[in-house]
Amino acid sequence: MRSNFGGSEKPQPATEADAQRWLAQAIGEVAREWRFQMNQSLKPLGLNLSTRQVLLQLHRNPDGLAQHQLARKLGIEAPTLVPLLDRLEKRRWLARKPDPEDKRRKRVVLLAAGRRLVVKIETISVGLRQKMMRGMAVPDIAASAALLNQVRDNMLAGD
């Protein structure tokens, strides 16, 4: 995907509004391209970005998560998560088990096949990150991450 701003040329915004517009558009373009390339890379494994996120969240939480916790971590509604979990459970990548603390709830846990898949997902993720940041110096990457963290924090802070 080619940027509207001349690819790798360094823009010289005339105003603060121009700079803000350029950054917002660049964030959107990078996010769209990352999603596209990640989905293309995951397709041979029978995965997509949504299934990747579920498996990675469960990998990061080895004791499993209640379905509502998993939905919150994914930024989706619990009813949206159910069919996704059904598909992954059918493939035996995860299971729903009774919550030992509350028998009315189910905890979603990663199974052995899902853990093996996470290793492949991580390899794909590392490769895409390396491609994305090719030619960038570590201080530039760190400064970019700090900038994006500030953008996120500003958005979360509200008005």
C-alpha atoms as a PDB file:
ATOM      1  CA  MET A   1       0.000   0.000   0.000  1.00  0.00           C
ATOM      2  CA  ARG A   2       1.337   3.386  -0.906  1.00  0.00           C
ATOM      3  CA  SER A   3       0.817   6.377   1.350  1.00  0.00           C
ATOM      4  CA  ASN A   4      -0.906   9.525   0.171  1.00  0.00           C
ATOM      5  CA  PHE A   5       2.149  11.356   1.416  1.00  0.00           C
ATOM      6  CA  GLY A   6       4.737  10.144  -1.058  1.00  0.00           C
ATOM      7  CA  GLY A   7       5.852   6.936   0.628  1.00  0.00           C
ATOM      8  CA  SER A   8       9.059   7.345   2.590  1.00  0.00           C
ATOM      9  CA  GLU A   9       9.461  11.062   1.909  1.00  0.00           C
ATOM     10  CA  LYS A  10       9.598  13.154   5.054  1.00  0.00           C
ATOM     11  CA  PRO A  11       6.572  15.447   5.063  1.00  0.00           C
ATOM     12  CA  GLN A  12       6.918  19.086   5.931  1.00  0.00           C
ATOM     13  CA  PRO A  13       3.528  20.031   7.329  1.00  0.00           C
ATOM     14  CA  ALA A  14       2.727  23.720   7.076  1.00  0.00           C
ATOM     15  CA  THR A  15       0.539  23.848  10.171  1.00  0.00           C
ATOM     16  CA  GLU A  16      -0.189  21.926  13.358  1.00  0.00           C
ATOM     17  CA  ALA A  17      -3.478  20.764  11.799  1.00  0.00           C
ATOM     18  CA  ASP A  18      -1.578  19.450   8.745  1.00  0.00           C
ATOM     19  CA  ALA A  19       0.836  17.548  11.009  1.00  0.00           C
ATOM     20  CA  GLN A  20      -2.025  16.066  13.026  1.00  0.00           C
ATOM     21  CA  ARG A  21      -3.896  15.033   9.871  1.00  0.00           C
ATOM     22  CA  TRP A  22      -0.741  13.441   8.444  1.00  0.00           C
ATOM     23  CA  LEU A  23      -0.077  11.456  11.614  1.00  0.00           C
ATOM     24  CA  ALA A  24      -3.701  10.300  11.904  1.00  0.00           C
ATOM     25  CA  GLN A  25      -3.736   9.158   8.274  1.00  0.00           C
ATOM     26  CA  ALA A  26      -0.382   7.403   8.656  1.00  0.00           C
ATOM     27  CA  ILE A  27      -1.632   5.544  11.752  1.00  0.00           C
ATOM     28  CA  GLY A  28      -4.705   4.402   9.820  1.00  0.00           C
ATOM     29  CA  GLU A  29      -2.703   3.307   6.766  1.00  0.00           C
ATOM     30  CA  VAL A  30      -0.180   1.365   8.845  1.00  0.00           C
ATOM     31  CA  ALA A  31      -2.948  -0.314  10.860  1.00  0.00           C
ATOM     32  CA  ARG A  32      -4.842  -1.336   7.706  1.00  0.00           C
ATOM     33  CA  GLU A  33      -1.709  -2.682   6.014  1.00  0.00           C
ATOM     34  CA  TRP A  34      -0.622  -4.554   9.150  1.00  0.00           C
ATOM     35  CA  ARG A  35      -4.081  -6.187   9.423  1.00  0.00           C
ATOM     36  CA  PHE A  36      -4.039  -7.105   5.728  1.00  0.00           C
ATOM     37  CA  GLN A  37      -0.543  -8.624   5.805  1.00  0.00           C
ATOM     38  CA  MET A  38      -1.158 -10.420   9.109  1.00  0.00           C
ATOM     39  CA  ASN A  39      -4.397 -11.930   7.781  1.00  0.00           C
ATOM     40  CA  GLN A  40      -2.619 -13.053   4.589  1.00  0.00           C
ATOM     41  CA  SER A  41       0.170 -14.650   6.628  1.00  0.00           C
ATOM     42  CA  LEU A  42      -2.255 -16.439   8.969  1.00  0.00           C
ATOM     43  CA  LYS A  43      -4.540 -17.755   6.222  1.00  0.00           C
ATOM     44  CA  PRO A  44      -2.438 -20.909   5.497  1.00  0.00           C
ATOM     45  CA  LEU A  45      -2.847 -21.886   9.172  1.00  0.00           C
ATOM     46  CA  GLY A  46      -6.621 -21.516   8.959  1.00  0.00           C
ATOM     47  CA  LEU A  47      -6.473 -18.401  11.113  1.00  0.00           C
ATOM     48  CA  ASN A  48      -7.220 -14.712  10.857  1.00  0.00           C
ATOM     49  CA  LEU A  49      -6.494 -11.715  13.028  1.00  0.00           C
ATOM     50  CA  SER A  50      -9.507 -12.348  15.278  1.00  0.00           C
ATOM     51  CA  THR A  51      -8.553 -15.947  15.999  1.00  0.00           C
ATOM     52  CA  ARG A  52      -4.930 -14.872  16.508  1.00  0.00           C
ATOM     53  CA  GLN A  53      -5.993 -12.395  19.168  1.00  0.00           C
ATOM     54  CA  VAL A  54      -8.067 -14.990  21.044  1.00  0.00           C
ATOM     55  CA  LEU A  55      -5.232 -17.525  21.059  1.00  0.00           C
ATOM     56  CA  LEU A  56      -2.627 -14.951  22.136  1.00  0.00           C
ATOM     57  CA  GLN A  57      -4.809 -13.664  24.989  1.00  0.00           C
ATOM     58  CA  LEU A  58      -5.300 -17.203  26.259  1.00  0.00           C
ATOM     59  CA  HIS A  59      -1.573 -17.876  25.927  1.00  0.00           C
ATOM     60  CA  ARG A  60      -0.878 -14.790  28.072  1.00  0.00           C
ATOM     61  CA  ASN A  61      -3.369 -16.062  30.672  1.00  0.00           C
ATOM     62  CA  PRO A  62      -2.431 -19.726  31.207  1.00  0.00           C
ATOM     63  CA  ASP A  63      -5.133 -20.255  33.860  1.00  0.00           C
ATOM     64  CA  GLY A  64      -7.712 -19.222  31.276  1.00  0.00           C
ATOM     65  CA  LEU A  65     -10.189 -16.381  31.282  1.00  0.00           C
ATOM     66  CA  ALA A  66     -13.905 -16.109  31.851  1.00  0.00           C
ATOM     67  CA  GLN A  67     -15.644 -15.428  28.539  1.00  0.00           C
ATOM     68  CA  HIS A  68     -16.606 -11.892  29.604  1.00  0.00           C
ATOM     69  CA  GLN A  69     -12.974 -11.165  30.593  1.00  0.00           C
ATOM     70  CA  LEU A  70     -11.720 -12.442  27.248  1.00  0.00           C
ATOM     71  CA  ALA A  71     -14.288 -10.350  25.381  1.00  0.00           C
ATOM     72  CA  ARG A  72     -13.225  -7.240  27.316  1.00  0.00           C
ATOM     73  CA  LYS A  73      -9.533  -7.867  26.576  1.00  0.00           C
ATOM     74  CA  LEU A  74     -10.389  -8.245  22.879  1.00  0.00           C
ATOM     75  CA  GLY A  75     -12.543  -5.109  22.858  1.00  0.00           C
ATOM     76  CA  ILE A  76     -15.663  -6.944  21.682  1.00  0.00           C
ATOM     77  CA  GLU A  77     -19.042  -7.828  23.152  1.00  0.00           C
ATOM     78  CA  ALA A  78     -19.416 -11.274  24.758  1.00  0.00           C
ATOM     79  CA  PRO A  79     -22.131 -12.394  22.262  1.00  0.00           C
ATOM     80  CA  THR A  80     -19.736 -11.615  19.392  1.00  0.00           C
ATOM     81  CA  LEU A  81     -17.103 -13.844  20.986  1.00  0.00           C
ATOM     82  CA  VAL A  82     -19.301 -16.958  21.304  1.00  0.00           C
ATOM     83  CA  PRO A  83     -19.277 -18.083  17.631  1.00  0.00           C
ATOM     84  CA  LEU A  84     -15.538 -17.446  17.428  1.00  0.00           C
ATOM     85  CA  LEU A  85     -14.958 -19.635  20.496  1.00  0.00           C
ATOM     86  CA  ASP A  86     -17.271 -22.285  19.033  1.00  0.00           C
ATOM     87  CA  ARG A  87     -15.103 -22.501  15.893  1.00  0.00           C
ATOM     88  CA  LEU A  88     -11.830 -22.646  17.842  1.00  0.00           C
ATOM     89  CA  GLU A  89     -13.211 -25.219  20.264  1.00  0.00           C
ATOM     90  CA  LYS A  90     -14.375 -27.376  17.361  1.00  0.00           C
ATOM     91  CA  ARG A  91     -10.768 -27.388  16.091  1.00  0.00           C
ATOM     92  CA  ARG A  92      -9.620 -28.399  19.599  1.00  0.00           C
ATOM     93  CA  TRP A  93      -7.435 -25.318  20.045  1.00  0.00           C
ATOM     94  CA  LEU A  94      -9.260 -24.245  23.205  1.00  0.00           C
ATOM     95  CA  ALA A  95     -11.840 -25.530  25.648  1.00  0.00           C
ATOM     96  CA  ARG A  96     -14.483 -24.093  27.937  1.00  0.00           C
ATOM     97  CA  LYS A  97     -14.164 -25.479  31.447  1.00  0.00           C
ATOM     98  CA  PRO A  98     -16.238 -24.834  34.569  1.00  0.00           C
ATOM     99  CA  ASP A  99     -14.840 -21.959  36.632  1.00  0.00           C
ATOM    100  CA  PRO A 100     -13.694 -23.420  39.976  1.00  0.00           C
ATOM    101  CA  GLU A 101     -14.770 -20.215  41.764  1.00  0.00           C
ATOM    102  CA  ASP A 102     -18.189 -19.868  40.122  1.00  0.00           C
ATOM    103  CA  LYS A 103     -19.809 -22.969  38.622  1.00  0.00           C
ATOM    104  CA  ARG A 104     -22.200 -20.784  36.574  1.00  0.00           C
ATOM    105  CA  ARG A 105     -19.274 -19.437  34.548  1.00  0.00           C
ATOM    106  CA  LYS A 106     -17.003 -21.054  32.027  1.00  0.00           C
ATOM    107  CA  ARG A 107     -13.291 -20.373  31.758  1.00  0.00           C
ATOM    108  CA  VAL A 108     -11.740 -20.505  28.316  1.00  0.00           C
ATOM    109  CA  VAL A 109      -8.378 -22.283  28.318  1.00  0.00           C
ATOM    110  CA  LEU A 110      -5.825 -22.941  25.609  1.00  0.00           C
ATOM    111  CA  LEU A 111      -5.266 -26.613  24.754  1.00  0.00           C
ATOM    112  CA  ALA A 112      -1.995 -28.215  23.629  1.00  0.00           C
ATOM    113  CA  ALA A 113      -2.828 -27.832  19.922  1.00  0.00           C
ATOM    114  CA  GLY A 114      -3.565 -24.155  20.525  1.00  0.00           C
ATOM    115  CA  ARG A 115      -0.251 -23.692  22.332  1.00  0.00           C
ATOM    116  CA  ARG A 116       1.577 -25.243  19.379  1.00  0.00           C
ATOM    117  CA  LEU A 117      -0.262 -22.870  17.072  1.00  0.00           C
ATOM    118  CA  VAL A 118       0.785 -19.872  19.179  1.00  0.00           C
ATOM    119  CA  VAL A 119       4.439 -20.729  18.461  1.00  0.00           C
ATOM    120  CA  LYS A 120       3.695 -20.460  14.725  1.00  0.00           C
ATOM    121  CA  ILE A 121       1.723 -17.252  15.256  1.00  0.00           C
ATOM    122  CA  GLU A 122       4.638 -15.730  17.156  1.00  0.00           C
ATOM    123  CA  THR A 123       7.032 -16.628  14.318  1.00  0.00           C
ATOM    124  CA  ILE A 124       4.731 -14.924  11.813  1.00  0.00           C
ATOM    125  CA  SER A 125       4.375 -11.897  14.100  1.00  0.00           C
ATOM    126  CA  VAL A 126       8.132 -11.518  14.542  1.00  0.00           C
ATOM    127  CA  GLY A 127       8.641 -11.710  10.779  1.00  0.00           C
ATOM    128  CA  LEU A 128       6.043  -9.024  10.112  1.00  0.00           C
ATOM    129  CA  ARG A 129       7.460  -6.749  12.821  1.00  0.00           C
ATOM    130  CA  GLN A 130      10.942  -7.128  11.324  1.00  0.00           C
ATOM    131  CA  LYS A 131       9.585  -6.286   7.886  1.00  0.00           C
ATOM    132  CA  MET A 132       7.680  -3.263   9.236  1.00  0.00           C
ATOM    133  CA  MET A 133      10.683  -1.822  11.023  1.00  0.00           C
ATOM    134  CA  ARG A 134      13.395  -2.685   8.523  1.00  0.00           C
ATOM    135  CA  GLY A 135      15.986   0.078   8.388  1.00  0.00           C
ATOM    136  CA  MET A 136      14.771   1.774  11.562  1.00  0.00           C
ATOM    137  CA  ALA A 137      17.144   2.514  14.417  1.00  0.00           C
ATOM    138  CA  VAL A 138      16.209   1.337  17.915  1.00  0.00           C
ATOM    139  CA  PRO A 139      15.946   4.926  19.269  1.00  0.00           C
ATOM    140  CA  ASP A 140      13.538   5.802  16.441  1.00  0.00           C
ATOM    141  CA  ILE A 141      11.418   2.732  17.188  1.00  0.00           C
ATOM    142  CA  ALA A 142      11.366   3.621  20.893  1.00  0.00           C
ATOM    143  CA  ALA A 143      10.430   7.241  20.157  1.00  0.00           C
ATOM    144  CA  SER A 144       7.652   6.101  17.814  1.00  0.00           C
ATOM    145  CA  ALA A 145       6.292   3.718  20.446  1.00  0.00           C
ATOM    146  CA  ALA A 146       6.334   6.486  23.052  1.00  0.00           C
ATOM    147  CA  LEU A 147       4.492   8.814  20.669  1.00  0.00           C
ATOM    148  CA  LEU A 148       1.830   6.208  19.888  1.00  0.00           C
ATOM    149  CA  ASN A 149       1.425   5.400  23.588  1.00  0.00           C
ATOM    150  CA  GLN A 150       0.770   9.103  24.218  1.00  0.00           C
ATOM    151  CA  VAL A 151      -1.793   9.168  21.397  1.00  0.00           C
ATOM    152  CA  ARG A 152      -3.532   6.137  22.935  1.00  0.00           C
ATOM    153  CA  ASP A 153      -3.442   7.666  26.434  1.00  0.00           C
ATOM    154  CA  ASN A 154      -4.916  10.921  25.114  1.00  0.00           C
ATOM    155  CA  MET A 155      -7.741   9.013  23.474  1.00  0.00           C
ATOM    156  CA  LEU A 156      -8.452   6.985  26.608  1.00  0.00           C
ATOM    157  CA  ALA A 157      -8.429  10.087  28.821  1.00  0.00           C
ATOM    158  CA  GLY A 158     -11.565  11.446  27.164  1.00  0.00           C
ATOM    159  CA  ASP A 159     -12.297  15.161  27.202  1.00  0.00           C
END
